[in-house]
Amino acid sequence: MRGVWTAQQVRETEAGLLVRTPEGALMRRAAFGVAVHARRMLADTGRVAGSRVVLLVGAGNNGGDALWAGYELRTRGVGVTAVLLDPDRAHPAGLVALRRAGGRFVDADAGLVAELGADP
């Protein structure tokens, strides 16, 4: 089913799920879905492992979704660079996971163009 939901409807639905699932499970599930879609897009270019992606990572849980998706991609051989739009407010567990998987990080305000053009 396809539809349109308001931000309030999404928050209410998430709240109900969050109380019934382990901490972080909903975020990890969403991130896994994003990573699966990204892998399909990369496969259309002819390869997944060895490809490179750039994540634009905001603050809080939405940024956490991106970081965990990056983690999933990184564990499958994709080079991942996370551009942290607000490094002080980035999702801590997502940062740790992607860092441990070998992801790269750059502050959006510090040398972004040079960093993105560098070899992994």
C-alpha atoms as a PDB file:
ATOM      1  CA  MET A   1       0.000   0.000   0.000  1.00  0.00           C
ATOM      2  CA  ARG A   2       1.262   3.450  -0.854  1.00  0.00           C
ATOM      3  CA  GLY A   3       0.146   6.554   0.904  1.00  0.00           C
ATOM      4  CA  VAL A   4       1.075   9.840   2.434  1.00  0.00           C
ATOM      5  CA  TRP A   5       1.460  10.292   6.163  1.00  0.00           C
ATOM      6  CA  THR A   6       1.951  13.398   8.239  1.00  0.00           C
ATOM      7  CA  ALA A   7       5.020  13.796  10.454  1.00  0.00           C
ATOM      8  CA  GLN A   8       2.747  13.389  13.479  1.00  0.00           C
ATOM      9  CA  GLN A   9       1.340  10.106  12.163  1.00  0.00           C
ATOM     10  CA  VAL A  10       4.852   8.776  11.600  1.00  0.00           C
ATOM     11  CA  ARG A  11       5.948   9.829  15.107  1.00  0.00           C
ATOM     12  CA  GLU A  12       2.916   8.128  16.663  1.00  0.00           C
ATOM     13  CA  THR A  13       3.501   4.921  14.719  1.00  0.00           C
ATOM     14  CA  GLU A  14       7.200   4.905  15.581  1.00  0.00           C
ATOM     15  CA  ALA A  15       6.440   5.505  19.248  1.00  0.00           C
ATOM     16  CA  GLY A  16       4.285   2.383  19.324  1.00  0.00           C
ATOM     17  CA  LEU A  17       7.008   0.328  17.670  1.00  0.00           C
ATOM     18  CA  LEU A  18       9.803   1.730  19.821  1.00  0.00           C
ATOM     19  CA  VAL A  19       8.197   0.546  23.058  1.00  0.00           C
ATOM     20  CA  ARG A  20       7.866  -3.011  21.650  1.00  0.00           C
ATOM     21  CA  THR A  21      11.328  -3.421  20.122  1.00  0.00           C
ATOM     22  CA  PRO A  22      14.875  -3.448  21.507  1.00  0.00           C
ATOM     23  CA  GLU A  23      16.698  -0.109  21.520  1.00  0.00           C
ATOM     24  CA  GLY A  24      18.107   0.690  18.083  1.00  0.00           C
ATOM     25  CA  ALA A  25      16.264  -2.125  16.296  1.00  0.00           C
ATOM     26  CA  LEU A  26      13.949   0.151  14.305  1.00  0.00           C
ATOM     27  CA  MET A  27      16.870   2.329  13.193  1.00  0.00           C
ATOM     28  CA  ARG A  28      18.947  -0.678  12.164  1.00  0.00           C
ATOM     29  CA  ARG A  29      16.018  -2.109  10.199  1.00  0.00           C
ATOM     30  CA  ALA A  30      15.472   1.170   8.327  1.00  0.00           C
ATOM     31  CA  ALA A  31      19.198   1.462   7.645  1.00  0.00           C
ATOM     32  CA  PHE A  32      19.325  -2.087   6.332  1.00  0.00           C
ATOM     33  CA  GLY A  33      16.517  -1.262   3.881  1.00  0.00           C
ATOM     34  CA  VAL A  34      18.391   1.806   2.658  1.00  0.00           C
ATOM     35  CA  ALA A  35      21.567  -0.252   2.247  1.00  0.00           C
ATOM     36  CA  VAL A  36      19.739  -2.948   0.262  1.00  0.00           C
ATOM     37  CA  HIS A  37      18.364  -0.308  -2.103  1.00  0.00           C
ATOM     38  CA  ALA A  38      21.794   1.322  -2.427  1.00  0.00           C
ATOM     39  CA  ARG A  39      23.381  -2.055  -3.245  1.00  0.00           C
ATOM     40  CA  ARG A  40      20.809  -2.589  -5.984  1.00  0.00           C
ATOM     41  CA  MET A  41      21.662   0.819  -7.420  1.00  0.00           C
ATOM     42  CA  LEU A  42      25.375   0.026  -7.276  1.00  0.00           C
ATOM     43  CA  ALA A  43      24.793  -3.380  -8.883  1.00  0.00           C
ATOM     44  CA  ASP A  44      23.165  -1.597 -11.810  1.00  0.00           C
ATOM     45  CA  THR A  45      26.516   0.143 -12.406  1.00  0.00           C
ATOM     46  CA  GLY A  46      28.259  -3.212 -12.624  1.00  0.00           C
ATOM     47  CA  ARG A  47      29.768  -3.625  -9.171  1.00  0.00           C
ATOM     48  CA  VAL A  48      29.050  -3.285  -5.491  1.00  0.00           C
ATOM     49  CA  ALA A  49      32.314  -4.156  -3.723  1.00  0.00           C
ATOM     50  CA  GLY A  50      34.892  -1.520  -4.616  1.00  0.00           C
ATOM     51  CA  SER A  51      32.283   1.157  -5.291  1.00  0.00           C
ATOM     52  CA  ARG A  52      32.293   4.377  -3.290  1.00  0.00           C
ATOM     53  CA  VAL A  53      29.412   6.232  -1.701  1.00  0.00           C
ATOM     54  CA  VAL A  54      29.131   9.499   0.186  1.00  0.00           C
ATOM     55  CA  LEU A  55      26.651   9.937   3.018  1.00  0.00           C
ATOM     56  CA  LEU A  56      25.328  13.350   3.986  1.00  0.00           C
ATOM     57  CA  VAL A  57      24.804  12.834   7.701  1.00  0.00           C
ATOM     58  CA  GLY A  58      22.636  15.154   9.744  1.00  0.00           C
ATOM     59  CA  ALA A  59      22.096  15.184  13.484  1.00  0.00           C
ATOM     60  CA  GLY A  60      20.231  12.710  15.614  1.00  0.00           C
ATOM     61  CA  ASN A  61      18.346   9.624  14.550  1.00  0.00           C
ATOM     62  CA  ASN A  62      17.994  10.497  10.867  1.00  0.00           C
ATOM     63  CA  GLY A  63      21.752  10.840  10.728  1.00  0.00           C
ATOM     64  CA  GLY A  64      21.964   7.563  12.627  1.00  0.00           C
ATOM     65  CA  ASP A  65      19.967   5.876   9.871  1.00  0.00           C
ATOM     66  CA  ALA A  66      22.541   7.086   7.340  1.00  0.00           C
ATOM     67  CA  LEU A  67      25.507   5.984   9.457  1.00  0.00           C
ATOM     68  CA  TRP A  68      24.089   2.512  10.012  1.00  0.00           C
ATOM     69  CA  ALA A  69      23.297   2.204   6.289  1.00  0.00           C
ATOM     70  CA  GLY A  70      26.931   3.154   5.669  1.00  0.00           C
ATOM     71  CA  TYR A  71      27.995   0.446   8.083  1.00  0.00           C
ATOM     72  CA  GLU A  72      25.937  -2.133   6.166  1.00  0.00           C
ATOM     73  CA  LEU A  73      27.472  -1.021   2.871  1.00  0.00           C
ATOM     74  CA  ARG A  74      30.981  -0.946   4.292  1.00  0.00           C
ATOM     75  CA  THR A  75      30.682  -4.557   5.494  1.00  0.00           C
ATOM     76  CA  ARG A  76      29.973  -5.496   1.878  1.00  0.00           C
ATOM     77  CA  GLY A  77      33.113  -3.876   0.474  1.00  0.00           C
ATOM     78  CA  VAL A  78      31.732  -0.468  -0.443  1.00  0.00           C
ATOM     79  CA  GLY A  79      33.963   2.524   0.325  1.00  0.00           C
ATOM     80  CA  VAL A  80      31.972   4.880   2.540  1.00  0.00           C
ATOM     81  CA  THR A  81      32.697   8.514   3.368  1.00  0.00           C
ATOM     82  CA  ALA A  82      30.342  10.187   5.818  1.00  0.00           C
ATOM     83  CA  VAL A  83      30.059  13.963   5.548  1.00  0.00           C
ATOM     84  CA  LEU A  84      29.060  15.099   9.029  1.00  0.00           C
ATOM     85  CA  LEU A  85      26.873  18.186   8.762  1.00  0.00           C
ATOM     86  CA  ASP A  86      26.813  18.668  12.547  1.00  0.00           C
ATOM     87  CA  PRO A  87      29.621  16.500  14.002  1.00  0.00           C
ATOM     88  CA  ASP A  88      28.829  17.334  17.623  1.00  0.00           C
ATOM     89  CA  ARG A  89      25.269  16.028  17.213  1.00  0.00           C
ATOM     90  CA  ALA A  90      25.984  12.957  15.071  1.00  0.00           C
ATOM     91  CA  HIS A  91      24.493   9.666  16.280  1.00  0.00           C
ATOM     92  CA  PRO A  92      27.153   8.167  18.616  1.00  0.00           C
ATOM     93  CA  ALA A  93      26.446   4.455  18.070  1.00  0.00           C
ATOM     94  CA  GLY A  94      26.245   4.923  14.289  1.00  0.00           C
ATOM     95  CA  LEU A  95      29.577   6.764  14.296  1.00  0.00           C
ATOM     96  CA  VAL A  96      31.249   3.981  16.255  1.00  0.00           C
ATOM     97  CA  ALA A  97      29.833   1.249  14.021  1.00  0.00           C
ATOM     98  CA  LEU A  98      30.861   2.912  10.775  1.00  0.00           C
ATOM     99  CA  ARG A  99      34.307   3.793  12.148  1.00  0.00           C
ATOM    100  CA  ARG A 100      34.898   0.171  13.235  1.00  0.00           C
ATOM    101  CA  ALA A 101      33.851  -1.022   9.786  1.00  0.00           C
ATOM    102  CA  GLY A 102      36.468   1.227   8.175  1.00  0.00           C
ATOM    103  CA  GLY A 103      34.288   4.147   7.091  1.00  0.00           C
ATOM    104  CA  ARG A 104      35.816   7.568   6.553  1.00  0.00           C
ATOM    105  CA  PHE A 105      34.560  10.812   8.045  1.00  0.00           C
ATOM    106  CA  VAL A 106      34.802  14.452   7.073  1.00  0.00           C
ATOM    107  CA  ASP A 107      33.394  17.549   8.711  1.00  0.00           C
ATOM    108  CA  ALA A 108      31.222  19.408   6.183  1.00  0.00           C
ATOM    109  CA  ASP A 109      33.070  22.627   7.014  1.00  0.00           C
ATOM    110  CA  ALA A 110      36.622  21.287   6.699  1.00  0.00           C
ATOM    111  CA  GLY A 111      38.157  20.473   3.319  1.00  0.00           C
ATOM    112  CA  LEU A 112      35.118  18.729   1.914  1.00  0.00           C
ATOM    113  CA  VAL A 113      35.987  18.929  -1.782  1.00  0.00           C
ATOM    114  CA  ALA A 114      39.552  17.730  -1.312  1.00  0.00           C
ATOM    115  CA  GLU A 115      38.485  14.862   0.948  1.00  0.00           C
ATOM    116  CA  LEU A 116      35.803  13.550  -1.380  1.00  0.00           C
ATOM    117  CA  GLY A 117      38.230  13.482  -4.298  1.00  0.00           C
ATOM    118  CA  ALA A 118      40.868  11.512  -2.375  1.00  0.00           C
ATOM    119  CA  ASP A 119      41.474   7.836  -2.984  1.00  0.00           C
ATOM    120  CA  PRO A 120      40.170   5.508  -0.247  1.00  0.00           C
END
